[in-house]
Amino acid sequence: MDRLHQVLSAIRTETKSAKNPASVFREFLSHVDQAQRKPPAKRPRLKAAAPRRRAAKRTK
C-alpha cells in the first residue's frame, strides 16, 4: 500500500501531507478501471509482401 501511495504521488504531485490508505486504494482501482476501458492502440498494418515468382527451371 505504501508503494502504491508513492507511485500515485509521483504521478500527480500532492499538496496534502497524508492520505487515507483506503482512498489511495480506491483511486488506484479507478485508474485500473479507466485503463481497461480504453481500446488498445491500433498498430499500423504492414503491407503484405508481393507474392514471389517461382524460379525458372533450368534444362540440361
N, C-alpha and C. Protein backbone atom coordinates (compact mmCIF):
# COMPACT_ATOMS: atom_id res chain seq x y z
N MET A 1 0.83 -1.18 0.00
CA MET A 1 0.00 0.00 0.00
C MET A 1 0.88 1.25 0.00
N ASP A 2 1.99 1.18 0.75
CA ASP A 2 2.90 2.33 0.78
C ASP A 2 3.50 2.58 -0.59
N ARG A 3 3.86 1.51 -1.26
CA ARG A 3 4.44 1.64 -2.61
C ARG A 3 3.42 2.25 -3.57
N LEU A 4 2.18 1.81 -3.46
CA LEU A 4 1.11 2.35 -4.30
C LEU A 4 0.97 3.85 -4.06
N HIS A 5 1.00 4.25 -2.81
CA HIS A 5 0.89 5.66 -2.48
C HIS A 5 2.06 6.45 -3.07
N GLN A 6 3.27 5.89 -3.02
CA GLN A 6 4.45 6.55 -3.58
C GLN A 6 4.31 6.72 -5.09
N VAL A 7 3.82 5.69 -5.76
CA VAL A 7 3.66 5.76 -7.22
C VAL A 7 2.63 6.80 -7.60
N LEU A 8 1.49 6.78 -6.92
CA LEU A 8 0.45 7.76 -7.24
C LEU A 8 0.91 9.18 -6.92
N SER A 9 1.69 9.34 -5.87
CA SER A 9 2.20 10.66 -5.54
C SER A 9 3.21 11.14 -6.57
N ALA A 10 3.98 10.22 -7.12
CA ALA A 10 4.95 10.60 -8.14
C ALA A 10 4.26 11.01 -9.43
N ILE A 11 3.14 10.36 -9.75
CA ILE A 11 2.40 10.68 -10.97
C ILE A 11 1.77 12.06 -10.85
N ARG A 12 1.14 12.29 -9.74
CA ARG A 12 0.44 13.56 -9.53
C ARG A 12 0.93 14.14 -8.22
N THR A 13 1.51 15.31 -8.27
CA THR A 13 2.03 15.92 -7.05
C THR A 13 0.88 16.20 -6.09
N GLU A 14 1.10 15.93 -4.85
CA GLU A 14 0.06 16.06 -3.83
C GLU A 14 0.43 17.19 -2.89
N THR A 15 -0.54 18.02 -2.57
CA THR A 15 -0.28 19.14 -1.65
C THR A 15 -0.60 18.76 -0.21
N LYS A 16 -1.41 17.73 -0.02
CA LYS A 16 -1.75 17.29 1.33
C LYS A 16 -0.59 16.50 1.92
N SER A 17 -0.47 16.52 3.23
CA SER A 17 0.65 15.81 3.87
C SER A 17 0.39 14.32 3.97
N ALA A 18 -0.84 13.90 4.19
CA ALA A 18 -1.13 12.47 4.34
C ALA A 18 -2.48 12.16 3.70
N LYS A 19 -2.63 10.92 3.26
CA LYS A 19 -3.87 10.46 2.64
C LYS A 19 -4.35 9.20 3.33
N ASN A 20 -5.62 9.01 3.33
CA ASN A 20 -6.21 7.80 3.88
C ASN A 20 -5.86 6.63 2.95
N PRO A 21 -5.32 5.53 3.47
CA PRO A 21 -4.96 4.39 2.62
C PRO A 21 -6.13 3.83 1.83
N ALA A 22 -7.32 3.87 2.39
CA ALA A 22 -8.49 3.36 1.66
C ALA A 22 -8.77 4.22 0.43
N SER A 23 -8.62 5.53 0.56
CA SER A 23 -8.86 6.40 -0.60
C SER A 23 -7.77 6.22 -1.65
N VAL A 24 -6.56 5.93 -1.21
CA VAL A 24 -5.47 5.65 -2.16
C VAL A 24 -5.80 4.41 -2.97
N PHE A 25 -6.29 3.37 -2.28
CA PHE A 25 -6.64 2.13 -2.97
C PHE A 25 -7.81 2.33 -3.92
N ARG A 26 -8.82 3.11 -3.52
CA ARG A 26 -9.94 3.41 -4.41
C ARG A 26 -9.47 4.17 -5.65
N GLU A 27 -8.56 5.09 -5.46
CA GLU A 27 -8.01 5.85 -6.59
C GLU A 27 -7.26 4.93 -7.54
N PHE A 28 -6.49 3.99 -6.97
CA PHE A 28 -5.78 3.02 -7.78
C PHE A 28 -6.75 2.18 -8.60
N LEU A 29 -7.82 1.72 -7.97
CA LEU A 29 -8.82 0.92 -8.69
C LEU A 29 -9.48 1.72 -9.80
N SER A 30 -9.71 2.99 -9.59
CA SER A 30 -10.31 3.81 -10.64
C SER A 30 -9.36 3.97 -11.82
N HIS A 31 -8.04 4.09 -11.53
CA HIS A 31 -7.06 4.17 -12.61
C HIS A 31 -7.02 2.88 -13.40
N VAL A 32 -7.07 1.76 -12.70
CA VAL A 32 -7.05 0.45 -13.38
C VAL A 32 -8.30 0.31 -14.23
N ASP A 33 -9.43 0.71 -13.71
CA ASP A 33 -10.69 0.60 -14.45
C ASP A 33 -10.64 1.45 -15.71
N GLN A 34 -10.11 2.66 -15.62
CA GLN A 34 -10.00 3.52 -16.80
C GLN A 34 -9.06 2.94 -17.83
N ALA A 35 -7.97 2.33 -17.37
CA ALA A 35 -7.02 1.74 -18.30
C ALA A 35 -7.63 0.55 -19.04
N GLN A 36 -8.49 -0.21 -18.37
CA GLN A 36 -9.12 -1.35 -19.01
C GLN A 36 -10.19 -0.93 -19.99
N ARG A 37 -10.81 0.19 -19.78
CA ARG A 37 -11.88 0.64 -20.67
C ARG A 37 -11.36 1.20 -21.99
N LYS A 38 -10.12 1.68 -22.00
CA LYS A 38 -9.59 2.25 -23.23
C LYS A 38 -9.33 1.15 -24.24
N PRO A 39 -9.73 1.35 -25.50
CA PRO A 39 -9.43 0.32 -26.50
C PRO A 39 -7.93 0.28 -26.76
N PRO A 40 -7.41 -0.89 -27.08
CA PRO A 40 -5.97 -0.98 -27.35
C PRO A 40 -5.59 -0.14 -28.56
N ALA A 41 -4.42 0.44 -28.51
CA ALA A 41 -3.96 1.27 -29.62
C ALA A 41 -3.78 0.40 -30.86
N LYS A 42 -4.27 0.89 -31.96
CA LYS A 42 -4.16 0.12 -33.21
C LYS A 42 -2.80 0.38 -33.83
N ARG A 43 -2.14 -0.70 -34.20
CA ARG A 43 -0.87 -0.58 -34.90
C ARG A 43 -1.13 -0.44 -36.39
N PRO A 44 -0.32 0.35 -37.04
CA PRO A 44 -0.50 0.44 -38.50
C PRO A 44 -0.17 -0.91 -39.12
N ARG A 45 -1.02 -1.36 -40.03
CA ARG A 45 -0.81 -2.66 -40.67
C ARG A 45 0.31 -2.55 -41.69
N LEU A 46 1.12 -3.55 -41.69
CA LEU A 46 2.19 -3.62 -42.67
C LEU A 46 1.62 -4.17 -43.97
N LYS A 47 2.08 -3.62 -45.07
CA LYS A 47 1.60 -4.11 -46.36
C LYS A 47 2.15 -5.51 -46.58
N ALA A 48 1.32 -6.34 -47.14
CA ALA A 48 1.73 -7.71 -47.42
C ALA A 48 2.76 -7.70 -48.56
N ALA A 49 3.76 -8.53 -48.42
CA ALA A 49 4.79 -8.62 -49.45
C ALA A 49 4.19 -9.19 -50.73
N ALA A 50 4.68 -8.73 -51.84
CA ALA A 50 4.21 -9.23 -53.13
C ALA A 50 4.55 -10.72 -53.23
N PRO A 51 3.67 -11.52 -53.81
CA PRO A 51 3.97 -12.95 -53.92
C PRO A 51 5.22 -13.18 -54.78
N ARG A 52 6.01 -14.13 -54.36
CA ARG A 52 7.25 -14.41 -55.09
C ARG A 52 6.97 -15.24 -56.32
N ARG A 53 7.73 -14.99 -57.34
CA ARG A 53 7.62 -15.80 -58.54
C ARG A 53 8.48 -17.04 -58.37
N ARG A 54 8.04 -18.11 -58.97
CA ARG A 54 8.84 -19.31 -58.92
C ARG A 54 10.04 -19.16 -59.83
N ALA A 55 11.14 -19.75 -59.41
CA ALA A 55 12.34 -19.70 -60.21
C ALA A 55 12.14 -20.55 -61.47
N ALA A 56 12.69 -20.07 -62.58
CA ALA A 56 12.56 -20.81 -63.83
C ALA A 56 13.39 -22.09 -63.75
N LYS A 57 12.82 -23.18 -64.26
CA LYS A 57 13.55 -24.45 -64.23
C LYS A 57 14.64 -24.41 -65.30
N ARG A 58 15.78 -24.93 -64.90
CA ARG A 58 16.88 -25.00 -65.86
C ARG A 58 16.89 -26.35 -66.52
N THR A 59 17.14 -26.35 -67.79
CA THR A 59 17.23 -27.62 -68.53
C THR A 59 18.68 -27.88 -68.89
N LYS A 60 19.01 -29.14 -68.97
CA LYS A 60 20.38 -29.50 -69.31
C LYS A 60 20.57 -29.68 -70.77
